[in-house]
N, C-alpha and C. Protein backbone atom coordinates (compact mmCIF):
# COMPACT_ATOMS: atom_id res chain seq x y z
N MET A 1 0.75 -1.19 -0.06
CA MET A 1 0.00 0.04 0.05
C MET A 1 0.98 1.19 -0.03
N PRO A 2 1.71 1.53 -0.98
CA PRO A 2 2.53 2.75 -1.02
C PRO A 2 1.61 4.07 -0.95
N TRP A 3 0.41 4.19 -1.30
CA TRP A 3 -0.36 5.30 -1.17
C TRP A 3 -0.53 5.67 0.64
N LEU A 4 -0.48 4.68 1.31
CA LEU A 4 -0.79 5.01 2.68
C LEU A 4 0.09 6.04 3.36
N GLY A 5 1.47 5.68 3.06
CA GLY A 5 2.55 6.84 3.64
C GLY A 5 2.29 8.14 3.42
N VAL A 6 1.89 8.21 2.01
CA VAL A 6 1.38 9.69 1.30
C VAL A 6 0.68 10.36 1.91
N ILE A 7 -0.60 9.50 2.54
CA ILE A 7 -1.58 10.04 3.16
C ILE A 7 -1.39 10.28 4.77
N VAL A 8 -0.88 9.34 5.43
CA VAL A 8 -0.65 9.14 6.82
C VAL A 8 0.40 10.25 7.36
N VAL A 9 1.71 10.19 6.77
CA VAL A 9 2.78 11.04 6.96
C VAL A 9 2.56 12.49 7.23
N PRO A 10 1.82 13.16 6.14
CA PRO A 10 1.31 14.59 6.37
C PRO A 10 0.50 14.80 7.52
N ILE A 11 -0.36 13.87 7.75
CA ILE A 11 -1.29 14.00 9.02
C ILE A 11 -0.58 14.01 10.28
N VAL A 12 0.56 13.01 10.43
CA VAL A 12 1.34 12.80 11.50
C VAL A 12 2.31 14.33 11.68
N LEU A 13 2.63 14.78 10.52
CA LEU A 13 3.50 16.03 10.30
C LEU A 13 2.61 17.02 11.19
N VAL A 14 1.32 17.65 10.62
CA VAL A 14 0.64 18.40 11.33
C VAL A 14 0.42 18.15 12.83
N ILE A 15 0.35 17.03 13.10
CA ILE A 15 0.17 16.80 14.56
C ILE A 15 1.66 17.09 15.43
N HIS A 16 2.50 16.90 14.70
CA HIS A 16 3.99 17.13 15.35
C HIS A 16 4.08 18.56 15.06
N VAL A 17 4.08 19.30 13.91
CA VAL A 17 4.34 21.02 14.03
C VAL A 17 3.24 21.78 14.67
N VAL A 18 1.98 21.52 14.65
CA VAL A 18 1.11 22.50 15.39
C VAL A 18 1.56 22.82 16.93
N PRO A 19 1.95 21.65 17.80
CA PRO A 19 2.23 22.08 19.18
C PRO A 19 3.77 22.51 19.12
N SER A 20 4.60 22.59 18.10
CA SER A 20 5.86 22.70 18.19
C SER A 20 6.09 24.26 18.41
N PRO A 21 7.11 24.55 19.55
CA PRO A 21 7.47 26.02 19.50
C PRO A 21 8.32 26.55 18.57
N ASN A 22 8.65 25.75 17.65
CA ASN A 22 9.50 26.26 16.51
C ASN A 22 8.92 25.80 15.31
N ARG A 23 7.57 26.02 14.96
CA ARG A 23 7.09 25.47 13.81
C ARG A 23 7.61 25.74 12.59
N LYS A 24 8.40 26.88 12.24
CA LYS A 24 8.79 27.34 11.07
C LYS A 24 10.16 26.51 10.87
N GLY A 25 10.87 26.00 11.89
CA GLY A 25 12.20 25.46 11.82
C GLY A 25 11.94 23.90 11.67
N GLU A 26 11.06 23.58 12.35
CA GLU A 26 10.48 22.09 12.08
C GLU A 26 10.06 22.09 10.50
N VAL A 27 9.08 22.85 10.01
CA VAL A 27 8.75 22.51 8.83
C VAL A 27 9.93 22.68 7.78
N LEU A 28 10.89 23.67 7.97
CA LEU A 28 12.20 23.64 7.25
C LEU A 28 12.77 22.57 6.99
N LEU A 29 12.97 21.90 8.59
CA LEU A 29 13.50 20.56 8.62
C LEU A 29 13.21 19.49 7.90
N VAL A 30 11.83 19.44 7.92
CA VAL A 30 11.31 18.42 7.42
C VAL A 30 11.45 18.19 5.91
N LEU A 31 11.08 19.53 5.38
CA LEU A 31 11.14 19.78 3.83
C LEU A 31 12.47 19.50 3.32
N SER A 32 13.64 20.06 4.16
CA SER A 32 15.05 19.53 3.80
C SER A 32 15.32 18.01 3.74
N ALA A 33 14.77 17.34 4.92
CA ALA A 33 14.88 15.99 4.97
C ALA A 33 14.19 15.36 3.78
N GLY A 34 12.98 15.83 3.25
CA GLY A 34 12.29 15.21 2.20
C GLY A 34 13.07 15.28 0.73
N ALA A 35 13.56 16.77 0.73
CA ALA A 35 14.36 16.93 -0.33
C ALA A 35 15.53 16.16 -0.60
N MET A 36 16.44 16.03 0.36
CA MET A 36 17.57 15.31 0.60
C MET A 36 17.12 13.81 0.39
N GLY A 37 16.08 13.16 0.99
CA GLY A 37 15.94 11.87 0.89
C GLY A 37 15.42 11.52 -0.76
N PHE A 38 14.68 12.62 -1.32
CA PHE A 38 14.22 12.18 -2.80
C PHE A 38 15.72 12.34 -3.51
N ILE A 39 16.78 13.06 -3.34
CA ILE A 39 17.82 13.24 -4.00
C ILE A 39 18.62 11.66 -3.82
N ILE A 40 18.94 11.50 -2.66
CA ILE A 40 19.79 10.54 -2.29
C ILE A 40 19.19 9.10 -2.80
N ASP A 41 17.64 8.99 -2.48
CA ASP A 41 17.18 7.62 -2.81
C ASP A 41 17.07 7.43 -4.34
N THR A 42 16.83 8.89 -5.30
CA THR A 42 16.82 8.84 -6.75
C THR A 42 18.16 8.26 -7.33
N LEU A 43 19.29 8.71 -6.55
CA LEU A 43 20.71 8.47 -6.96
C LEU A 43 20.79 6.99 -6.60
N LEU A 44 20.40 6.37 -5.62
CA LEU A 44 20.52 5.06 -5.08
C LEU A 44 19.86 4.10 -6.16
N VAL A 45 18.79 4.64 -6.58
CA VAL A 45 17.92 3.86 -7.55
C VAL A 45 18.48 3.63 -8.97
N SER A 46 19.24 5.13 -9.14
CA SER A 46 19.75 4.97 -10.48
C SER A 46 20.93 4.11 -10.57
N ALA A 47 21.60 4.15 -9.29
CA ALA A 47 22.86 3.38 -9.22
C ALA A 47 22.63 1.81 -9.16
N ASP A 48 20.95 1.27 -9.19
CA ASP A 48 20.75 -0.01 -8.95
C ASP A 48 21.18 -0.50 -7.50
N ILE A 49 21.01 0.38 -6.64
CA ILE A 49 21.54 -0.09 -5.28
C ILE A 49 20.29 -0.66 -4.63
N PHE A 50 19.06 -0.16 -4.93
CA PHE A 50 17.95 -0.93 -4.42
C PHE A 50 16.66 -0.59 -5.65
N THR A 51 15.78 -1.45 -5.60
CA THR A 51 14.67 -1.23 -6.56
C THR A 51 13.35 -1.31 -5.76
N PRO A 52 12.90 0.23 -5.24
CA PRO A 52 11.63 0.41 -4.50
C PRO A 52 10.41 0.07 -5.33
N ILE A 53 9.25 -0.44 -4.87
CA ILE A 53 8.04 -0.32 -5.60
C ILE A 53 7.60 0.84 -5.71
N LEU A 54 7.24 1.17 -7.27
CA LEU A 54 7.19 2.23 -7.55
C LEU A 54 5.63 2.97 -7.33
N TYR A 55 5.65 4.22 -7.15
CA TYR A 55 4.29 4.75 -6.92
C TYR A 55 4.35 6.22 -7.32
N LEU A 56 3.63 6.45 -8.36
CA LEU A 56 3.43 7.80 -9.00
C LEU A 56 4.49 8.42 -9.87
N LEU A 57 5.60 8.18 -9.40
CA LEU A 57 6.72 8.70 -10.35
C LEU A 57 7.77 7.42 -10.90
N PRO A 58 8.05 7.73 -12.32
CA PRO A 58 8.71 6.76 -12.97
C PRO A 58 10.23 6.32 -12.40
N SER A 59 10.72 5.14 -12.72
CA SER A 59 11.91 4.85 -12.16
C SER A 59 12.80 5.79 -13.09
N PRO A 60 13.94 6.42 -12.40
CA PRO A 60 14.75 6.10 -11.02
C PRO A 60 14.29 7.13 -10.11
N PHE A 61 13.24 7.98 -10.22
CA PHE A 61 13.01 8.77 -9.33
C PHE A 61 12.33 8.23 -8.10
N SER A 62 12.68 8.54 -6.86
CA SER A 62 12.35 7.99 -5.57
C SER A 62 10.76 8.13 -5.47
N PRO A 63 10.14 7.02 -5.11
CA PRO A 63 8.85 7.34 -4.93
C PRO A 63 8.11 8.11 -3.88
N PRO A 64 7.23 8.83 -3.95
CA PRO A 64 6.77 9.56 -2.69
C PRO A 64 6.67 8.96 -1.52
N TRP A 65 6.42 7.61 -1.32
CA TRP A 65 6.34 7.08 -0.13
C TRP A 65 7.58 6.83 0.65
N MET A 66 8.66 6.85 -0.29
CA MET A 66 10.02 6.72 0.46
C MET A 66 10.26 8.03 0.76
N VAL A 67 9.88 9.36 0.17
CA VAL A 67 10.24 10.47 0.58
C VAL A 67 9.53 10.71 1.94
N MET A 68 8.47 10.28 2.07
CA MET A 68 7.75 10.33 3.42
C MET A 68 8.40 9.61 4.61
N LEU A 69 8.94 8.52 4.33
CA LEU A 69 9.90 8.02 5.24
C LEU A 69 11.07 9.19 5.82
N TRP A 70 11.82 9.67 4.94
CA TRP A 70 12.64 10.69 5.29
C TRP A 70 11.81 11.87 6.19
N VAL A 71 10.79 12.30 5.87
CA VAL A 71 10.11 13.43 6.38
C VAL A 71 9.60 12.92 7.82
N ASN A 72 9.06 11.64 7.94
CA ASN A 72 8.71 10.98 9.17
C ASN A 72 9.80 10.86 10.16
N PHE A 73 10.95 10.54 9.45
CA PHE A 73 12.32 10.29 10.40
C PHE A 73 12.67 11.76 10.84
N ALA A 74 12.71 12.81 10.03
CA ALA A 74 13.03 13.98 10.35
C ALA A 74 12.15 14.61 11.65
N THR A 75 11.12 14.10 11.79
CA THR A 75 10.29 14.60 13.05
C THR A 75 10.69 14.29 14.26
N THR A 76 11.45 13.10 14.20
CA THR A 76 12.20 12.54 15.38
C THR A 76 13.50 13.24 15.99
N ILE A 77 13.85 14.16 15.04
CA ILE A 77 15.27 14.85 15.29
C ILE A 77 15.26 15.71 16.52
N ASN A 78 14.37 16.21 16.63
CA ASN A 78 14.24 17.40 17.81
C ASN A 78 13.39 16.74 18.96
N VAL A 79 12.98 15.76 18.83
CA VAL A 79 12.11 15.09 19.86
C VAL A 79 12.75 13.93 20.57
N SER A 80 12.49 12.70 20.09
CA SER A 80 12.99 11.25 20.47
C SER A 80 14.57 11.41 20.32
N LEU A 81 15.12 11.98 19.18
CA LEU A 81 16.56 11.93 19.28
C LEU A 81 17.39 13.19 19.48
N GLN A 82 16.69 13.84 20.36
CA GLN A 82 17.23 15.17 20.85
C GLN A 82 18.56 15.11 21.45
N LYS A 83 18.66 13.82 22.19
CA LYS A 83 20.22 13.72 22.83
C LYS A 83 21.41 13.60 21.83
N LEU A 84 20.86 13.37 20.49
CA LEU A 84 22.03 13.16 19.61
C LEU A 84 22.38 14.68 19.06
N HIS A 85 21.82 15.61 19.44
CA HIS A 85 22.20 16.91 19.08
C HIS A 85 23.68 17.20 19.35
N GLY A 86 24.67 17.53 18.49
CA GLY A 86 25.74 17.82 18.81
C GLY A 86 26.71 16.79 18.70
N HIS A 87 26.30 15.49 18.75
CA HIS A 87 27.16 14.22 18.87
C HIS A 87 27.04 13.70 17.34
N TYR A 88 27.85 14.46 16.38
CA TYR A 88 27.69 13.95 15.12
C TYR A 88 28.40 12.70 14.82
N LEU A 89 29.49 12.21 15.55
CA LEU A 89 30.08 11.07 15.19
C LEU A 89 29.23 9.84 15.74
N LEU A 90 28.56 10.14 16.88
CA LEU A 90 27.30 8.88 17.29
C LEU A 90 26.33 8.92 16.32
N ALA A 91 25.88 10.24 15.82
CA ALA A 91 24.62 10.14 14.85
C ALA A 91 25.10 9.35 13.67
N ALA A 92 26.48 9.47 13.30
CA ALA A 92 26.99 9.00 11.88
C ALA A 92 26.94 7.27 12.47
N VAL A 93 27.52 7.06 13.36
CA VAL A 93 27.47 5.38 13.78
C VAL A 93 26.17 4.90 13.66
N LEU A 94 25.24 5.59 14.24
CA LEU A 94 24.01 5.07 14.45
C LEU A 94 23.22 4.97 13.13
N GLY A 95 23.42 6.13 12.25
CA GLY A 95 22.91 6.14 10.89
C GLY A 95 23.57 4.93 10.14
N SER A 96 24.65 4.77 10.22
CA SER A 96 25.45 3.62 9.49
C SER A 96 24.89 2.29 9.74
N ILE A 97 24.37 2.06 10.70
CA ILE A 97 23.61 0.79 11.18
C ILE A 97 22.18 0.75 10.84
N GLY A 98 21.44 1.91 11.18
CA GLY A 98 20.15 2.05 11.28
C GLY A 98 19.58 2.31 9.82
N GLY A 99 20.32 2.85 8.99
CA GLY A 99 20.10 3.23 7.52
C GLY A 99 19.83 1.96 6.69
N PRO A 100 20.85 1.11 6.71
CA PRO A 100 20.85 -0.14 5.92
C PRO A 100 19.65 -1.23 6.51
N ALA A 101 19.91 -1.09 7.78
CA ALA A 101 18.87 -1.92 8.59
C ALA A 101 17.29 -1.52 8.07
N ALA A 102 17.21 -0.42 7.97
CA ALA A 102 15.85 -0.05 7.40
C ALA A 102 15.48 -0.41 6.05
N TYR A 103 16.55 -0.27 5.35
CA TYR A 103 16.17 -0.56 3.76
C TYR A 103 16.08 -2.14 3.64
N TYR A 104 17.01 -3.09 4.50
CA TYR A 104 16.93 -4.26 4.39
C TYR A 104 15.64 -4.79 5.00
N GLY A 105 15.05 -4.19 6.02
CA GLY A 105 13.80 -4.55 6.74
C GLY A 105 12.60 -4.22 5.60
N GLY A 106 12.84 -3.00 5.18
CA GLY A 106 11.72 -2.82 4.01
C GLY A 106 11.82 -3.77 3.03
N ALA A 107 12.81 -4.11 2.52
CA ALA A 107 13.00 -5.17 1.41
C ALA A 107 12.22 -6.51 1.84
N LYS A 108 12.61 -6.86 3.05
CA LYS A 108 12.13 -8.13 3.50
C LYS A 108 10.24 -8.06 3.82
N LEU A 109 10.03 -6.77 3.80
CA LEU A 109 8.50 -6.77 3.89
C LEU A 109 7.84 -6.36 2.67
N GLY A 110 8.71 -6.46 1.51
CA GLY A 110 8.23 -6.26 0.01
C GLY A 110 8.31 -5.17 -0.42
N ALA A 111 8.88 -4.02 0.25
CA ALA A 111 9.05 -2.71 -0.29
C ALA A 111 9.93 -2.34 -1.63
N THR A 112 10.60 -3.44 -2.00
CA THR A 112 11.51 -3.43 -2.97
C THR A 112 11.46 -4.83 -3.85
N THR A 113 11.91 -4.75 -5.05
CA THR A 113 11.86 -5.92 -5.82
C THR A 113 12.69 -6.99 -5.50
N ALA A 114 13.63 -6.54 -4.72
CA ALA A 114 14.88 -7.45 -4.13
C ALA A 114 15.61 -7.07 -3.02
N LEU A 115 16.15 -8.07 -2.54
CA LEU A 115 16.90 -7.95 -1.20
C LEU A 115 18.25 -7.10 -1.78
N PRO A 116 18.82 -6.04 -0.74
CA PRO A 116 19.97 -5.67 -1.08
C PRO A 116 21.08 -6.50 -0.74
N GLY A 117 22.28 -6.44 -1.79
CA GLY A 117 23.34 -7.41 -1.42
C GLY A 117 24.31 -6.60 -0.51
N THR A 118 25.42 -7.40 -0.06
CA THR A 118 26.54 -6.96 0.89
C THR A 118 27.00 -5.69 0.48
N SER A 119 27.50 -5.46 -0.76
CA SER A 119 27.95 -4.28 -1.21
C SER A 119 26.85 -3.20 -1.26
N ASP A 120 25.76 -3.42 -1.50
CA ASP A 120 24.62 -2.32 -1.58
C ASP A 120 24.44 -1.98 0.06
N LEU A 121 24.65 -2.97 0.90
CA LEU A 121 24.37 -2.72 2.44
C LEU A 121 25.58 -1.60 2.74
N ILE A 122 26.79 -1.81 2.24
CA ILE A 122 28.00 -1.17 2.82
C ILE A 122 27.72 0.29 2.28
N LEU A 123 27.39 0.38 0.99
CA LEU A 123 27.06 1.79 0.49
C LEU A 123 26.02 2.47 0.95
N LEU A 124 24.93 1.74 1.54
CA LEU A 124 23.82 2.46 2.25
C LEU A 124 24.35 2.88 3.68
N SER A 125 25.21 2.04 4.27
CA SER A 125 25.71 2.54 5.57
C SER A 125 26.62 3.90 5.38
N VAL A 126 27.49 3.94 4.40
CA VAL A 126 28.24 5.09 4.15
C VAL A 126 27.26 6.45 3.87
N VAL A 127 26.24 6.15 2.89
CA VAL A 127 25.40 7.07 2.74
C VAL A 127 24.71 7.59 4.17
N TRP A 128 24.13 6.76 4.90
CA TRP A 128 23.50 7.18 6.09
C TRP A 128 24.50 7.57 7.22
N ALA A 129 25.56 7.22 7.10
CA ALA A 129 26.71 7.73 8.14
C ALA A 129 26.76 9.14 7.75
N VAL A 130 26.57 9.74 6.68
CA VAL A 130 26.79 11.24 6.22
C VAL A 130 25.30 11.90 6.47
N ALA A 131 24.13 11.00 5.87
CA ALA A 131 23.07 11.81 5.95
C ALA A 131 22.48 12.21 7.15
N VAL A 132 22.76 11.20 8.31
CA VAL A 132 22.13 11.64 9.64
C VAL A 132 22.76 12.87 10.21
N PRO A 133 24.09 12.69 10.41
CA PRO A 133 24.50 13.94 10.95
C PRO A 133 24.39 15.26 9.89
N VAL A 134 24.12 15.20 8.62
CA VAL A 134 23.73 16.37 7.85
C VAL A 134 22.27 16.77 8.42
N LEU A 135 21.54 15.82 8.68
CA LEU A 135 20.18 16.33 9.30
C LEU A 135 20.13 16.93 10.50
N PHE A 136 20.90 16.35 11.51
CA PHE A 136 21.17 17.05 12.78
C PHE A 136 21.72 18.53 12.51
N TRP A 137 22.82 18.42 11.74
CA TRP A 137 23.46 19.87 11.31
C TRP A 137 22.15 20.89 11.06
N ILE A 138 21.45 20.40 9.99
CA ILE A 138 20.34 21.12 9.38
C ILE A 138 19.41 21.62 10.54
N ALA A 139 19.12 20.59 11.50
CA ALA A 139 18.13 20.90 12.54
C ALA A 139 18.73 21.97 13.59
N ALA A 140 19.94 21.90 13.81
CA ALA A 140 20.62 22.83 14.46
C ALA A 140 20.48 24.25 14.34
N ARG A 141 20.80 24.20 12.86
CA ARG A 141 20.60 25.69 12.12
C ARG A 141 19.47 26.09 12.07
N MET A 142 18.38 25.29 11.97
CA MET A 142 16.86 25.76 12.08
C MET A 142 16.43 26.21 13.54
N ASN A 143 16.94 25.47 14.35
CA ASN A 143 16.73 25.47 15.80
C ASN A 143 17.34 26.83 16.26
N GLU A 144 18.54 27.17 15.72
CA GLU A 144 19.29 28.62 16.09
C GLU A 144 18.35 29.73 15.30
N LYS A 145 18.05 29.65 14.13
CA LYS A 145 17.50 30.65 13.34
C LYS A 145 16.16 30.99 13.74
N TYR A 146 15.13 29.92 14.12
CA TYR A 146 13.87 30.18 14.51
C TYR A 146 13.57 29.61 15.72
N LYS A 147 14.25 30.21 16.73
CA LYS A 147 13.88 30.01 18.19
C LYS A 147 12.62 30.55 18.65
N ALA A 148 11.90 29.77 19.25
CA ALA A 148 10.41 30.02 19.75
C ALA A 148 10.39 31.12 20.78
């Protein structure tokens, strides 16, 4: 049901942003994460690192349901993952483990047409070791610029 995330995540986003003391910063963070995720996943699909179930957009473009996963992840950065702020190395280590695990788990659940191989998982690990600290850096900039 690739359409489900496209419907549910915006609702979760509204529920997340409305009570936030830093609405503008949160919105810019999730938009940044969505754009970053679209670019990264499109490049990964183009490189045949993984092949997601397509929805709305043709290959190699990242489907909207995958972009929503990035958006949803970004909502956790200033809340449940708040303790990682300023700890970029730890964020990189956790990203290098959690990112590939998420892609592999999604593949096992049928979100892709094939399981990623070992070299694909290593590349995903490197990508996420960079992406997660970048998202925390963006969050820090948004938090500074748009303090409540």
